[in-house]
Amino acid sequence: MKLSHFQFDLPKELLAEYPAENRDESRLMVIDRKKGTIEHKMFKDVIDYFDEGDVLILNNTKVFPARLYGNKEKTGARIEVFLLRELNSEQRLWDVLVDPARKIRIGNKLYFGDDDSLVAEVIDNTTSRGRTLRFLYDGSYEEFRNKLTELGETPIPKYISRDVTPEDAERYQTIYAKEEGAVAAPTAGLHFSKHLLKKLEIKGIKFAEVTLHVGLGTFNPVEVEDLSKHKMDSEELKITQEACDIVNEAKAKKKRICTVGTTSMRAVESSVSSQNTLNPFDGWTNKFVFPPHDFTIPTCMITNFHTPKSTLLMMVSAFCGHDLMKKAYAEAIEKEYKFYSYGDAMMII
């Protein structure tokens, strides 16, 4: 398939600026691939589609406050610094994006905080907007990380035009987030409330946790018409033996296995054994899932509604079937479902 197959007109007003008032009361579109049917529910109705022994695969990555604002030495120009990944904890080296990038050169220093208590020096240019920073801070590593957290801001997506609120710190995070390392939330999981998870647990549904630290590369635009030539950025992935045991037991018993989000889907499809079971994994993945793709592990997926030409939409198309996905998206727009990070949800069975 080609990039142009994933273009559609998305009204700007359907991009969700705020989360639903209650996590599990967003809207839910349910797509049955065998029947070709589309139903409209509330998210908390997902419990009706699972039975004892079924498995939900959850990405337990935790978003850290990755967006900082500093001032350039001498000029005092305000610079946004988006932390991408830590390169060296001892030297406090980080890969970052800077904006505006044209003002930031090797050797420049940036000052953060009202008291300039945190300083960073630019030591390398990596891409047009990418830089490597060395942070200078008098204190232990733990104190340094606490300072980053204190000065950082919840990295809600740029399409959200409003200011970040204290509510975002809670709502742009799944309730099961544990392993800090993501710069964007695995947004399908934002719909689960503690109450809903408890009800699923009581019903006998099992949870397998994986950790895929979501990077901004997931959202990089695809700029080639031939999808096989697109290169995904690598993201850190960990799948434990415990998670594999839960999934493989359910697979052997032909239970429903549902990936919560494209990140969970990417995680499990990155580590399939020759026996078509889930393998433990500890490393990095640059897996790009697009049509056609034979899915090995999941029989079901929960996801949000994605933007045109995105790699996330391509994965959903591969799982749902392109024609049915196009029909579902047309219906979502007609019925004014909310799209993207704080938007409504879709379940494909």
C-alpha atoms as a PDB file:
ATOM      1  CA  MET A   1       0.000   0.000   0.000  1.00  0.00           C
ATOM      2  CA  LYS A   2       0.982   3.595  -0.578  1.00  0.00           C
ATOM      3  CA  LEU A   3       1.098   6.663   1.650  1.00  0.00           C
ATOM      4  CA  SER A   4      -1.731   8.284  -0.322  1.00  0.00           C
ATOM      5  CA  HIS A   5      -4.083   5.455   0.733  1.00  0.00           C
ATOM      6  CA  PHE A   6      -4.018   6.912   4.262  1.00  0.00           C
ATOM      7  CA  GLN A   7      -5.040  10.461   3.454  1.00  0.00           C
ATOM      8  CA  PHE A   8      -8.458  11.688   4.608  1.00  0.00           C
ATOM      9  CA  ASP A   9      -9.989  15.018   5.574  1.00  0.00           C
ATOM     10  CA  LEU A  10     -10.108  15.428   9.342  1.00  0.00           C
ATOM     11  CA  PRO A  11     -12.048  18.465  10.609  1.00  0.00           C
ATOM     12  CA  LYS A  12      -9.852  20.401  13.037  1.00  0.00           C
ATOM     13  CA  GLU A  13     -12.652  20.624  15.599  1.00  0.00           C
ATOM     14  CA  LEU A  14     -12.529  16.834  16.053  1.00  0.00           C
ATOM     15  CA  LEU A  15      -9.008  16.983  17.532  1.00  0.00           C
ATOM     16  CA  ALA A  16      -9.580  16.570  21.270  1.00  0.00           C
ATOM     17  CA  GLU A  17      -8.218  19.488  23.322  1.00  0.00           C
ATOM     18  CA  TYR A  18      -9.285  18.011  26.672  1.00  0.00           C
ATOM     19  CA  PRO A  19      -9.794  14.489  28.043  1.00  0.00           C
ATOM     20  CA  ALA A  20     -13.274  13.135  28.776  1.00  0.00           C
ATOM     21  CA  GLU A  21     -14.600  14.144  32.187  1.00  0.00           C
ATOM     22  CA  ASN A  22     -14.263  10.542  33.393  1.00  0.00           C
ATOM     23  CA  ARG A  23     -11.644   8.223  31.934  1.00  0.00           C
ATOM     24  CA  ASP A  24     -13.964   5.324  31.106  1.00  0.00           C
ATOM     25  CA  GLU A  25     -16.819   7.449  29.773  1.00  0.00           C
ATOM     26  CA  SER A  26     -15.301   8.395  26.448  1.00  0.00           C
ATOM     27  CA  ARG A  27     -17.044   6.982  23.399  1.00  0.00           C
ATOM     28  CA  LEU A  28     -16.115   3.566  22.023  1.00  0.00           C
ATOM     29  CA  MET A  29     -16.537   2.309  18.486  1.00  0.00           C
ATOM     30  CA  VAL A  30     -16.534  -1.500  18.275  1.00  0.00           C
ATOM     31  CA  ILE A  31     -15.570  -3.052  14.933  1.00  0.00           C
ATOM     32  CA  ASP A  32     -16.171  -6.746  14.272  1.00  0.00           C
ATOM     33  CA  ARG A  33     -13.818  -7.829  11.483  1.00  0.00           C
ATOM     34  CA  LYS A  34     -15.635 -11.088  10.718  1.00  0.00           C
ATOM     35  CA  LYS A  35     -19.107  -9.570  10.571  1.00  0.00           C
ATOM     36  CA  GLY A  36     -17.971  -6.246   9.127  1.00  0.00           C
ATOM     37  CA  THR A  37     -20.177  -4.444  11.667  1.00  0.00           C
ATOM     38  CA  ILE A  38     -19.664  -1.173  13.563  1.00  0.00           C
ATOM     39  CA  GLU A  39     -21.277  -0.505  16.954  1.00  0.00           C
ATOM     40  CA  HIS A  40     -21.246   2.599  19.147  1.00  0.00           C
ATOM     41  CA  LYS A  41     -20.742   2.199  22.902  1.00  0.00           C
ATOM     42  CA  MET A  42     -19.188   3.832  25.970  1.00  0.00           C
ATOM     43  CA  PHE A  43     -15.640   2.822  26.847  1.00  0.00           C
ATOM     44  CA  LYS A  44     -16.687   1.129  30.092  1.00  0.00           C
ATOM     45  CA  ASP A  45     -18.683  -1.325  27.930  1.00  0.00           C
ATOM     46  CA  VAL A  46     -15.396  -3.045  26.911  1.00  0.00           C
ATOM     47  CA  ILE A  47     -15.938  -5.408  29.839  1.00  0.00           C
ATOM     48  CA  ASP A  48     -18.812  -7.023  27.919  1.00  0.00           C
ATOM     49  CA  TYR A  49     -16.381  -8.256  25.245  1.00  0.00           C
ATOM     50  CA  PHE A  50     -14.070 -10.200  27.557  1.00  0.00           C
ATOM     51  CA  ASP A  51     -14.415 -13.496  29.416  1.00  0.00           C
ATOM     52  CA  GLU A  52     -12.444 -15.246  32.119  1.00  0.00           C
ATOM     53  CA  GLY A  53      -8.930 -16.095  30.964  1.00  0.00           C
ATOM     54  CA  ASP A  54      -8.785 -13.430  28.254  1.00  0.00           C
ATOM     55  CA  VAL A  55      -5.744 -11.139  28.348  1.00  0.00           C
ATOM     56  CA  LEU A  56      -5.209  -7.399  28.064  1.00  0.00           C
ATOM     57  CA  ILE A  57      -1.653  -6.393  27.129  1.00  0.00           C
ATOM     58  CA  LEU A  58      -0.848  -3.057  28.780  1.00  0.00           C
ATOM     59  CA  ASN A  59       2.095  -0.751  28.142  1.00  0.00           C
ATOM     60  CA  ASN A  60       3.181   0.362  31.621  1.00  0.00           C
ATOM     61  CA  THR A  61       5.562   3.092  30.453  1.00  0.00           C
ATOM     62  CA  LYS A  62       5.365   6.348  32.392  1.00  0.00           C
ATOM     63  CA  VAL A  63       5.565   9.775  30.787  1.00  0.00           C
ATOM     64  CA  PHE A  64       8.149  12.103  32.279  1.00  0.00           C
ATOM     65  CA  PRO A  65       7.836  15.928  32.126  1.00  0.00           C
ATOM     66  CA  ALA A  66       9.977  16.200  29.020  1.00  0.00           C
ATOM     67  CA  ARG A  67       9.319  19.789  27.944  1.00  0.00           C
ATOM     68  CA  LEU A  68      11.561  22.455  29.472  1.00  0.00           C
ATOM     69  CA  TYR A  69      11.884  26.174  28.811  1.00  0.00           C
ATOM     70  CA  GLY A  70      15.247  27.863  29.183  1.00  0.00           C
ATOM     71  CA  ASN A  71      16.976  31.091  28.285  1.00  0.00           C
ATOM     72  CA  LYS A  72      19.949  31.418  26.012  1.00  0.00           C
ATOM     73  CA  GLU A  73      23.038  33.012  27.539  1.00  0.00           C
ATOM     74  CA  LYS A  74      23.668  36.694  26.703  1.00  0.00           C
ATOM     75  CA  THR A  75      20.527  37.208  24.577  1.00  0.00           C
ATOM     76  CA  GLY A  76      18.066  35.707  27.075  1.00  0.00           C
ATOM     77  CA  ALA A  77      16.035  34.264  24.153  1.00  0.00           C
ATOM     78  CA  ARG A  78      13.391  31.773  25.335  1.00  0.00           C
ATOM     79  CA  ILE A  79      14.160  28.283  24.044  1.00  0.00           C
ATOM     80  CA  GLU A  80      12.006  25.183  24.284  1.00  0.00           C
ATOM     81  CA  VAL A  81      13.991  22.025  25.028  1.00  0.00           C
ATOM     82  CA  PHE A  82      12.243  18.683  24.555  1.00  0.00           C
ATOM     83  CA  LEU A  83      14.084  15.830  26.262  1.00  0.00           C
ATOM     84  CA  LEU A  84      14.131  12.741  24.038  1.00  0.00           C
ATOM     85  CA  ARG A  85      16.457  10.290  25.754  1.00  0.00           C
ATOM     86  CA  GLU A  86      19.287  10.126  28.213  1.00  0.00           C
ATOM     87  CA  LEU A  87      22.569   9.152  26.547  1.00  0.00           C
ATOM     88  CA  ASN A  88      24.894   8.980  29.548  1.00  0.00           C
ATOM     89  CA  SER A  89      23.770   9.314  33.166  1.00  0.00           C
ATOM     90  CA  GLU A  90      27.261   9.975  34.559  1.00  0.00           C
ATOM     91  CA  GLN A  91      27.992  12.795  32.130  1.00  0.00           C
ATOM     92  CA  ARG A  92      24.343  13.909  32.121  1.00  0.00           C
ATOM     93  CA  LEU A  93      24.144  13.861  28.340  1.00  0.00           C
ATOM     94  CA  TRP A  94      20.738  14.044  26.660  1.00  0.00           C
ATOM     95  CA  ASP A  95      19.369  13.917  23.126  1.00  0.00           C
ATOM     96  CA  VAL A  96      16.923  16.806  22.816  1.00  0.00           C
ATOM     97  CA  LEU A  97      14.958  18.852  20.316  1.00  0.00           C
ATOM     98  CA  VAL A  98      15.249  22.642  20.515  1.00  0.00           C
ATOM     99  CA  ASP A  99      12.900  25.312  19.222  1.00  0.00           C
ATOM    100  CA  PRO A 100      13.734  27.709  17.653  1.00  0.00           C
ATOM    101  CA  ALA A 101      16.674  25.640  16.460  1.00  0.00           C
ATOM    102  CA  ARG A 102      18.337  28.256  14.272  1.00  0.00           C
ATOM    103  CA  LYS A 103      19.450  30.146  17.399  1.00  0.00           C
ATOM    104  CA  ILE A 104      21.147  27.195  19.102  1.00  0.00           C
ATOM    105  CA  ARG A 105      24.709  26.259  18.145  1.00  0.00           C
ATOM    106  CA  ILE A 106      27.469  24.125  19.621  1.00  0.00           C
ATOM    107  CA  GLY A 107      28.975  25.899  22.618  1.00  0.00           C
ATOM    108  CA  ASN A 108      25.823  27.825  23.549  1.00  0.00           C
ATOM    109  CA  LYS A 109      24.608  27.604  27.122  1.00  0.00           C
ATOM    110  CA  LEU A 110      20.996  27.497  28.281  1.00  0.00           C
ATOM    111  CA  TYR A 111      19.785  28.460  31.748  1.00  0.00           C
ATOM    112  CA  PHE A 112      16.706  26.931  33.392  1.00  0.00           C
ATOM    113  CA  GLY A 113      14.648  27.929  36.415  1.00  0.00           C
ATOM    114  CA  ASP A 114      14.046  31.335  37.965  1.00  0.00           C
ATOM    115  CA  ASP A 115      17.388  31.064  39.753  1.00  0.00           C
ATOM    116  CA  ASP A 116      19.293  29.571  36.778  1.00  0.00           C
ATOM    117  CA  SER A 117      20.044  26.596  39.016  1.00  0.00           C
ATOM    118  CA  LEU A 118      20.260  24.251  36.029  1.00  0.00           C
ATOM    119  CA  VAL A 119      22.560  24.954  33.085  1.00  0.00           C
ATOM    120  CA  ALA A 120      23.042  23.005  29.855  1.00  0.00           C
ATOM    121  CA  GLU A 121      25.769  23.290  27.235  1.00  0.00           C
ATOM    122  CA  VAL A 122      25.191  22.345  23.589  1.00  0.00           C
ATOM    123  CA  ILE A 123      27.897  19.882  22.590  1.00  0.00           C
ATOM    124  CA  ASP A 124      26.596  18.482  19.280  1.00  0.00           C
ATOM    125  CA  ASN A 125      24.119  19.012  16.441  1.00  0.00           C
ATOM    126  CA  THR A 126      22.306  15.776  15.595  1.00  0.00           C
ATOM    127  CA  THR A 127      19.515  16.847  13.200  1.00  0.00           C
ATOM    128  CA  SER A 128      18.012  20.143  12.052  1.00  0.00           C
ATOM    129  CA  ARG A 129      16.260  20.489  15.421  1.00  0.00           C
ATOM    130  CA  GLY A 130      18.189  17.885  17.362  1.00  0.00           C
ATOM    131  CA  ARG A 131      21.004  18.695  19.774  1.00  0.00           C
ATOM    132  CA  THR A 132      23.057  16.881  22.395  1.00  0.00           C
ATOM    133  CA  LEU A 133      23.123  18.720  25.707  1.00  0.00           C
ATOM    134  CA  ARG A 134      25.408  18.263  28.704  1.00  0.00           C
ATOM    135  CA  PHE A 135      23.599  19.359  31.860  1.00  0.00           C
ATOM    136  CA  LEU A 136      25.680  21.111  34.511  1.00  0.00           C
ATOM    137  CA  TYR A 137      24.260  20.741  38.001  1.00  0.00           C
ATOM    138  CA  ASP A 138      25.850  20.747  41.453  1.00  0.00           C
ATOM    139  CA  GLY A 139      24.201  17.797  43.116  1.00  0.00           C
ATOM    140  CA  SER A 140      23.739  14.041  43.011  1.00  0.00           C
ATOM    141  CA  TYR A 141      22.196  12.260  40.033  1.00  0.00           C
ATOM    142  CA  GLU A 142      18.975  11.791  41.989  1.00  0.00           C
ATOM    143  CA  GLU A 143      18.850  15.521  42.771  1.00  0.00           C
ATOM    144  CA  PHE A 144      19.524  16.288  39.112  1.00  0.00           C
ATOM    145  CA  ARG A 145      16.605  14.083  37.962  1.00  0.00           C
ATOM    146  CA  ASN A 146      14.373  15.668  40.587  1.00  0.00           C
ATOM    147  CA  LYS A 147      15.346  19.077  39.214  1.00  0.00           C
ATOM    148  CA  LEU A 148      14.407  18.015  35.683  1.00  0.00           C
ATOM    149  CA  THR A 149      11.030  16.823  36.998  1.00  0.00           C
ATOM    150  CA  GLU A 150      10.526  20.052  38.927  1.00  0.00           C
ATOM    151  CA  LEU A 151      11.290  22.276  35.927  1.00  0.00           C
ATOM    152  CA  GLY A 152       9.708  20.072  33.274  1.00  0.00           C
ATOM    153  CA  GLU A 153       6.202  20.302  31.867  1.00  0.00           C
ATOM    154  CA  THR A 154       3.809  17.506  30.879  1.00  0.00           C
ATOM    155  CA  PRO A 155       4.534  16.988  27.150  1.00  0.00           C
ATOM    156  CA  ILE A 156       0.990  17.142  25.801  1.00  0.00           C
ATOM    157  CA  PRO A 157       0.979  17.121  21.981  1.00  0.00           C
ATOM    158  CA  LYS A 158       1.605  20.350  20.077  1.00  0.00           C
ATOM    159  CA  TYR A 159      -1.768  20.239  18.344  1.00  0.00           C
ATOM    160  CA  ILE A 160      -3.364  21.104  21.704  1.00  0.00           C
ATOM    161  CA  SER A 161      -3.303  24.879  21.522  1.00  0.00           C
ATOM    162  CA  ARG A 162      -4.087  25.611  25.162  1.00  0.00           C
ATOM    163  CA  ASP A 163      -1.685  25.889  28.087  1.00  0.00           C
ATOM    164  CA  VAL A 164      -0.757  22.806  30.097  1.00  0.00           C
ATOM    165  CA  THR A 165      -2.890  22.432  33.238  1.00  0.00           C
ATOM    166  CA  PRO A 166      -2.263  20.566  36.518  1.00  0.00           C
ATOM    167  CA  GLU A 167      -4.954  18.119  35.356  1.00  0.00           C
ATOM    168  CA  ASP A 168      -2.740  17.125  32.404  1.00  0.00           C
ATOM    169  CA  ALA A 169      -0.067  15.787  34.764  1.00  0.00           C
ATOM    170  CA  GLU A 170      -2.591  13.171  35.896  1.00  0.00           C
ATOM    171  CA  ARG A 171      -4.711  12.629  32.788  1.00  0.00           C
ATOM    172  CA  TYR A 172      -1.840  12.379  30.274  1.00  0.00           C
ATOM    173  CA  GLN A 173      -0.722   9.273  32.157  1.00  0.00           C
ATOM    174  CA  THR A 174      -2.287   5.819  32.386  1.00  0.00           C
ATOM    175  CA  ILE A 175      -3.343   4.721  35.864  1.00  0.00           C
ATOM    176  CA  TYR A 176      -1.001   1.726  35.547  1.00  0.00           C
ATOM    177  CA  ALA A 177       2.081   3.745  34.500  1.00  0.00           C
ATOM    178  CA  LYS A 178       5.172   2.491  36.369  1.00  0.00           C
ATOM    179  CA  GLU A 179       8.363   2.600  34.300  1.00  0.00           C
ATOM    180  CA  GLU A 180       9.424   6.175  33.580  1.00  0.00           C
ATOM    181  CA  GLY A 181      10.848   6.800  30.128  1.00  0.00           C
ATOM    182  CA  ALA A 182       8.173   7.890  27.630  1.00  0.00           C
ATOM    183  CA  VAL A 183       7.877  11.355  26.096  1.00  0.00           C
ATOM    184  CA  ALA A 184       4.328  10.657  24.908  1.00  0.00           C
ATOM    185  CA  ALA A 185       1.536   8.688  26.532  1.00  0.00           C
ATOM    186  CA  PRO A 186       0.284   5.313  25.245  1.00  0.00           C
ATOM    187  CA  THR A 187      -3.064   7.007  24.796  1.00  0.00           C
ATOM    188  CA  ALA A 188      -5.413   4.030  24.360  1.00  0.00           C
ATOM    189  CA  GLY A 189      -4.659   3.188  27.990  1.00  0.00           C
ATOM    190  CA  LEU A 190      -5.838   6.605  29.173  1.00  0.00           C
ATOM    191  CA  HIS A 191      -9.441   5.337  28.996  1.00  0.00           C
ATOM    192  CA  PHE A 192      -9.021   2.783  31.776  1.00  0.00           C
ATOM    193  CA  SER A 193     -10.159   3.854  35.244  1.00  0.00           C
ATOM    194  CA  LYS A 194      -9.221   2.067  38.458  1.00  0.00           C
ATOM    195  CA  HIS A 195     -12.844   0.997  38.806  1.00  0.00           C
ATOM    196  CA  LEU A 196     -12.965  -0.525  35.313  1.00  0.00           C
ATOM    197  CA  LEU A 197      -9.661  -2.372  35.769  1.00  0.00           C
ATOM    198  CA  LYS A 198     -10.943  -3.798  39.065  1.00  0.00           C
ATOM    199  CA  LYS A 199     -14.163  -4.997  37.411  1.00  0.00           C
ATOM    200  CA  LEU A 200     -12.141  -6.671  34.648  1.00  0.00           C
ATOM    201  CA  GLU A 201      -9.918  -8.340  37.248  1.00  0.00           C
ATOM    202  CA  ILE A 202     -12.947  -9.630  39.182  1.00  0.00           C
ATOM    203  CA  LYS A 203     -14.331 -11.055  35.933  1.00  0.00           C
ATOM    204  CA  GLY A 204     -11.142 -13.100  35.541  1.00  0.00           C
ATOM    205  CA  ILE A 205      -9.399 -11.105  32.813  1.00  0.00           C
ATOM    206  CA  LYS A 206      -5.604 -11.232  33.080  1.00  0.00           C
ATOM    207  CA  PHE A 207      -3.155  -8.391  32.513  1.00  0.00           C
ATOM    208  CA  ALA A 208       0.232  -8.776  30.826  1.00  0.00           C
ATOM    209  CA  GLU A 209       2.429  -5.713  31.188  1.00  0.00           C
ATOM    210  CA  VAL A 210       5.079  -4.722  28.661  1.00  0.00           C
ATOM    211  CA  THR A 211       7.222  -1.583  28.626  1.00  0.00           C
ATOM    212  CA  LEU A 212       7.686   0.376  25.407  1.00  0.00           C
ATOM    213  CA  HIS A 213       9.043   3.869  26.042  1.00  0.00           C
ATOM    214  CA  VAL A 214       7.187   5.949  23.474  1.00  0.00           C
ATOM    215  CA  GLY A 215       9.410   8.411  21.609  1.00  0.00           C
ATOM    216  CA  LEU A 216       8.492  11.215  19.249  1.00  0.00           C
ATOM    217  CA  GLY A 217       9.579   9.031  16.330  1.00  0.00           C
ATOM    218  CA  THR A 218       6.203   7.291  16.532  1.00  0.00           C
ATOM    219  CA  PHE A 219       4.653  10.549  15.314  1.00  0.00           C
ATOM    220  CA  ASN A 220       7.238  11.441  12.651  1.00  0.00           C
ATOM    221  CA  PRO A 221       5.549  12.094   9.300  1.00  0.00           C
ATOM    222  CA  VAL A 222       5.943   9.481   6.596  1.00  0.00           C
ATOM    223  CA  GLU A 223       7.552  11.257   3.651  1.00  0.00           C
ATOM    224  CA  VAL A 224       7.836   8.406   1.136  1.00  0.00           C
ATOM    225  CA  GLU A 225       4.983   7.082  -0.986  1.00  0.00           C
ATOM    226  CA  ASP A 226       6.409   3.544  -0.786  1.00  0.00           C
ATOM    227  CA  LEU A 227       5.808   2.553   2.866  1.00  0.00           C
ATOM    228  CA  SER A 228       8.493  -0.131   2.770  1.00  0.00           C
ATOM    229  CA  LYS A 229      11.086   2.657   2.533  1.00  0.00           C
ATOM    230  CA  HIS A 230       9.976   4.445   5.725  1.00  0.00           C
ATOM    231  CA  LYS A 231      12.319   3.996   8.692  1.00  0.00           C
ATOM    232  CA  MET A 232      10.907   4.102  12.224  1.00  0.00           C
ATOM    233  CA  ASP A 233      12.953   5.531  15.086  1.00  0.00           C
ATOM    234  CA  SER A 234      13.994   2.938  17.652  1.00  0.00           C
ATOM    235  CA  GLU A 235      12.201   2.795  20.993  1.00  0.00           C
ATOM    236  CA  GLU A 236      13.272   0.988  24.142  1.00  0.00           C
ATOM    237  CA  LEU A 237      11.293  -2.199  24.793  1.00  0.00           C
ATOM    238  CA  LYS A 238      11.147  -4.689  27.636  1.00  0.00           C
ATOM    239  CA  ILE A 239       8.983  -7.814  27.746  1.00  0.00           C
ATOM    240  CA  THR A 240       9.364 -10.036  30.812  1.00  0.00           C
ATOM    241  CA  GLN A 241       9.091 -13.813  31.013  1.00  0.00           C
ATOM    242  CA  GLU A 242       6.064 -13.322  33.277  1.00  0.00           C
ATOM    243  CA  ALA A 243       4.222 -11.362  30.575  1.00  0.00           C
ATOM    244  CA  CYS A 244       5.133 -14.000  27.986  1.00  0.00           C
ATOM    245  CA  ASP A 245       3.778 -16.795  30.187  1.00  0.00           C
ATOM    246  CA  ILE A 246       0.428 -15.017  30.620  1.00  0.00           C
ATOM    247  CA  VAL A 247       0.076 -14.341  26.887  1.00  0.00           C
ATOM    248  CA  ASN A 248       1.287 -17.733  25.672  1.00  0.00           C
ATOM    249  CA  GLU A 249      -0.997 -19.612  28.057  1.00  0.00           C
ATOM    250  CA  ALA A 250      -3.983 -17.626  26.782  1.00  0.00           C
ATOM    251  CA  LYS A 251      -2.876 -18.203  23.184  1.00  0.00           C
ATOM    252  CA  ALA A 252      -2.650 -21.963  23.765  1.00  0.00           C
ATOM    253  CA  LYS A 253      -6.191 -21.920  25.193  1.00  0.00           C
ATOM    254  CA  LYS A 254      -7.434 -19.789  22.256  1.00  0.00           C
ATOM    255  CA  LYS A 255      -8.490 -16.966  24.564  1.00  0.00           C
ATOM    256  CA  ARG A 256      -8.948 -13.388  23.387  1.00  0.00           C
ATOM    257  CA  ILE A 257      -5.658 -11.466  23.529  1.00  0.00           C
ATOM    258  CA  CYS A 258      -6.114  -7.727  23.280  1.00  0.00           C
ATOM    259  CA  THR A 259      -3.324  -5.178  22.871  1.00  0.00           C
ATOM    260  CA  VAL A 260      -4.181  -1.876  24.502  1.00  0.00           C
ATOM    261  CA  GLY A 261      -2.773   0.658  22.067  1.00  0.00           C
ATOM    262  CA  THR A 262      -0.504   0.671  19.052  1.00  0.00           C
ATOM    263  CA  THR A 263       2.519   0.694  21.388  1.00  0.00           C
ATOM    264  CA  SER A 264       1.521  -2.623  22.977  1.00  0.00           C
ATOM    265  CA  MET A 265       0.864  -4.004  19.508  1.00  0.00           C
ATOM    266  CA  ARG A 266       4.263  -2.855  18.292  1.00  0.00           C
ATOM    267  CA  ALA A 267       5.870  -4.358  21.384  1.00  0.00           C
ATOM    268  CA  VAL A 268       4.489  -7.874  21.007  1.00  0.00           C
ATOM    269  CA  GLU A 269       4.869  -7.998  17.230  1.00  0.00           C
ATOM    270  CA  SER A 270       8.558  -7.132  17.740  1.00  0.00           C
ATOM    271  CA  SER A 271       9.270 -10.312  19.702  1.00  0.00           C
ATOM    272  CA  VAL A 272       7.597 -13.344  18.135  1.00  0.00           C
ATOM    273  CA  SER A 273       9.316 -16.738  18.290  1.00  0.00           C
ATOM    274  CA  SER A 274       9.581 -19.234  15.440  1.00  0.00           C
ATOM    275  CA  GLN A 275       6.816 -21.181  17.235  1.00  0.00           C
ATOM    276  CA  ASN A 276       4.560 -18.091  16.971  1.00  0.00           C
ATOM    277  CA  THR A 277       4.681 -17.417  20.714  1.00  0.00           C
ATOM    278  CA  LEU A 278       5.737 -14.284  22.577  1.00  0.00           C
ATOM    279  CA  ASN A 279       9.414 -14.105  23.544  1.00  0.00           C
ATOM    280  CA  PRO A 280      11.049 -12.065  26.328  1.00  0.00           C
ATOM    281  CA  PHE A 281      12.791  -8.951  25.027  1.00  0.00           C
ATOM    282  CA  ASP A 282      15.163  -6.359  26.442  1.00  0.00           C
ATOM    283  CA  GLY A 283      16.488  -3.862  23.922  1.00  0.00           C
ATOM    284  CA  TRP A 284      15.272  -1.543  21.173  1.00  0.00           C
ATOM    285  CA  THR A 285      12.718  -1.982  18.415  1.00  0.00           C
ATOM    286  CA  ASN A 286      12.188  -0.090  15.165  1.00  0.00           C
ATOM    287  CA  LYS A 287       9.354  -2.368  14.019  1.00  0.00           C
ATOM    288  CA  PHE A 288       7.040  -0.691  11.498  1.00  0.00           C
ATOM    289  CA  VAL A 289       3.693  -2.454  11.138  1.00  0.00           C
ATOM    290  CA  PHE A 290       1.796  -1.593   7.939  1.00  0.00           C
ATOM    291  CA  PRO A 291      -0.413  -3.496   5.474  1.00  0.00           C
ATOM    292  CA  PRO A 292      -0.125  -6.291   4.664  1.00  0.00           C
ATOM    293  CA  HIS A 293       0.959  -7.789   7.983  1.00  0.00           C
ATOM    294  CA  ASP A 294       0.204 -11.185   9.523  1.00  0.00           C
ATOM    295  CA  PHE A 295      -0.437 -10.630  13.232  1.00  0.00           C
ATOM    296  CA  THR A 296       0.789 -13.445  15.433  1.00  0.00           C
ATOM    297  CA  ILE A 297      -0.116 -12.593  19.018  1.00  0.00           C
ATOM    298  CA  PRO A 298      -3.233 -10.363  19.318  1.00  0.00           C
ATOM    299  CA  THR A 299      -6.780 -11.233  18.315  1.00  0.00           C
ATOM    300  CA  CYS A 300      -8.139  -7.841  19.371  1.00  0.00           C
ATOM    301  CA  MET A 301      -6.870  -4.288  19.776  1.00  0.00           C
ATOM    302  CA  ILE A 302      -8.003  -1.124  21.532  1.00  0.00           C
ATOM    303  CA  THR A 303      -6.752   2.129  20.051  1.00  0.00           C
ATOM    304  CA  ASN A 304      -7.594   5.800  19.635  1.00  0.00           C
ATOM    305  CA  PHE A 305      -8.539   7.540  16.392  1.00  0.00           C
ATOM    306  CA  HIS A 306      -5.413   8.611  14.531  1.00  0.00           C
ATOM    307  CA  THR A 307      -4.464  11.406  12.184  1.00  0.00           C
ATOM    308  CA  PRO A 308      -4.100  11.097   8.389  1.00  0.00           C
ATOM    309  CA  LYS A 309      -0.961   9.479   6.977  1.00  0.00           C
ATOM    310  CA  SER A 310       0.299   8.480  10.443  1.00  0.00           C
ATOM    311  CA  THR A 311       2.161   5.227  11.121  1.00  0.00           C
ATOM    312  CA  LEU A 312      -0.439   4.532  13.823  1.00  0.00           C
ATOM    313  CA  LEU A 313      -3.257   4.639  11.262  1.00  0.00           C
ATOM    314  CA  MET A 314      -1.277   2.252   9.058  1.00  0.00           C
ATOM    315  CA  MET A 315      -0.999  -0.277  11.879  1.00  0.00           C
ATOM    316  CA  VAL A 316      -4.744  -0.060  12.551  1.00  0.00           C
ATOM    317  CA  SER A 317      -5.433  -0.545   8.841  1.00  0.00           C
ATOM    318  CA  ALA A 318      -3.235  -3.658   8.819  1.00  0.00           C
ATOM    319  CA  PHE A 319      -5.165  -5.155  11.743  1.00  0.00           C
ATOM    320  CA  CYS A 320      -8.679  -4.034  10.816  1.00  0.00           C
ATOM    321  CA  GLY A 321      -8.537  -4.364   7.052  1.00  0.00           C
ATOM    322  CA  HIS A 322      -8.160  -1.206   4.980  1.00  0.00           C
ATOM    323  CA  ASP A 323     -11.668  -0.962   3.544  1.00  0.00           C
ATOM    324  CA  LEU A 324     -13.359  -1.583   6.910  1.00  0.00           C
ATOM    325  CA  MET A 325     -11.019   0.919   8.564  1.00  0.00           C
ATOM    326  CA  LYS A 326     -11.902   3.573   5.964  1.00  0.00           C
ATOM    327  CA  LYS A 327     -15.593   2.918   6.526  1.00  0.00           C
ATOM    328  CA  ALA A 328     -15.158   3.162  10.301  1.00  0.00           C
ATOM    329  CA  TYR A 329     -13.226   6.432  10.081  1.00  0.00           C
ATOM    330  CA  ALA A 330     -15.835   7.952   7.774  1.00  0.00           C
ATOM    331  CA  GLU A 331     -18.503   7.013  10.316  1.00  0.00           C
ATOM    332  CA  ALA A 332     -16.398   8.384  13.180  1.00  0.00           C
ATOM    333  CA  ILE A 333     -16.124  11.746  11.439  1.00  0.00           C
ATOM    334  CA  GLU A 334     -19.829  11.776  10.600  1.00  0.00           C
ATOM    335  CA  LYS A 335     -20.743  11.018  14.229  1.00  0.00           C
ATOM    336  CA  GLU A 336     -18.136  13.493  15.529  1.00  0.00           C
ATOM    337  CA  TYR A 337     -15.906  11.145  17.481  1.00  0.00           C
ATOM    338  CA  LYS A 338     -12.931  12.921  19.016  1.00  0.00           C
ATOM    339  CA  PHE A 339      -9.506  12.116  17.546  1.00  0.00           C
ATOM    340  CA  TYR A 340      -5.926  11.782  18.746  1.00  0.00           C
ATOM    341  CA  SER A 341      -4.387  11.709  22.224  1.00  0.00           C
ATOM    342  CA  TYR A 342      -7.331  12.815  24.378  1.00  0.00           C
ATOM    343  CA  GLY A 343      -9.874  11.476  21.901  1.00  0.00           C
ATOM    344  CA  ASP A 344     -12.342   8.578  21.860  1.00  0.00           C
ATOM    345  CA  ALA A 345     -11.512   4.897  21.477  1.00  0.00           C
ATOM    346  CA  MET A 346     -11.961   2.096  18.992  1.00  0.00           C
ATOM    347  CA  MET A 347     -11.953  -1.638  19.698  1.00  0.00           C
ATOM    348  CA  ILE A 348     -11.329  -4.049  16.827  1.00  0.00           C
ATOM    349  CA  ILE A 349     -12.372  -7.656  17.474  1.00  0.00           C
END
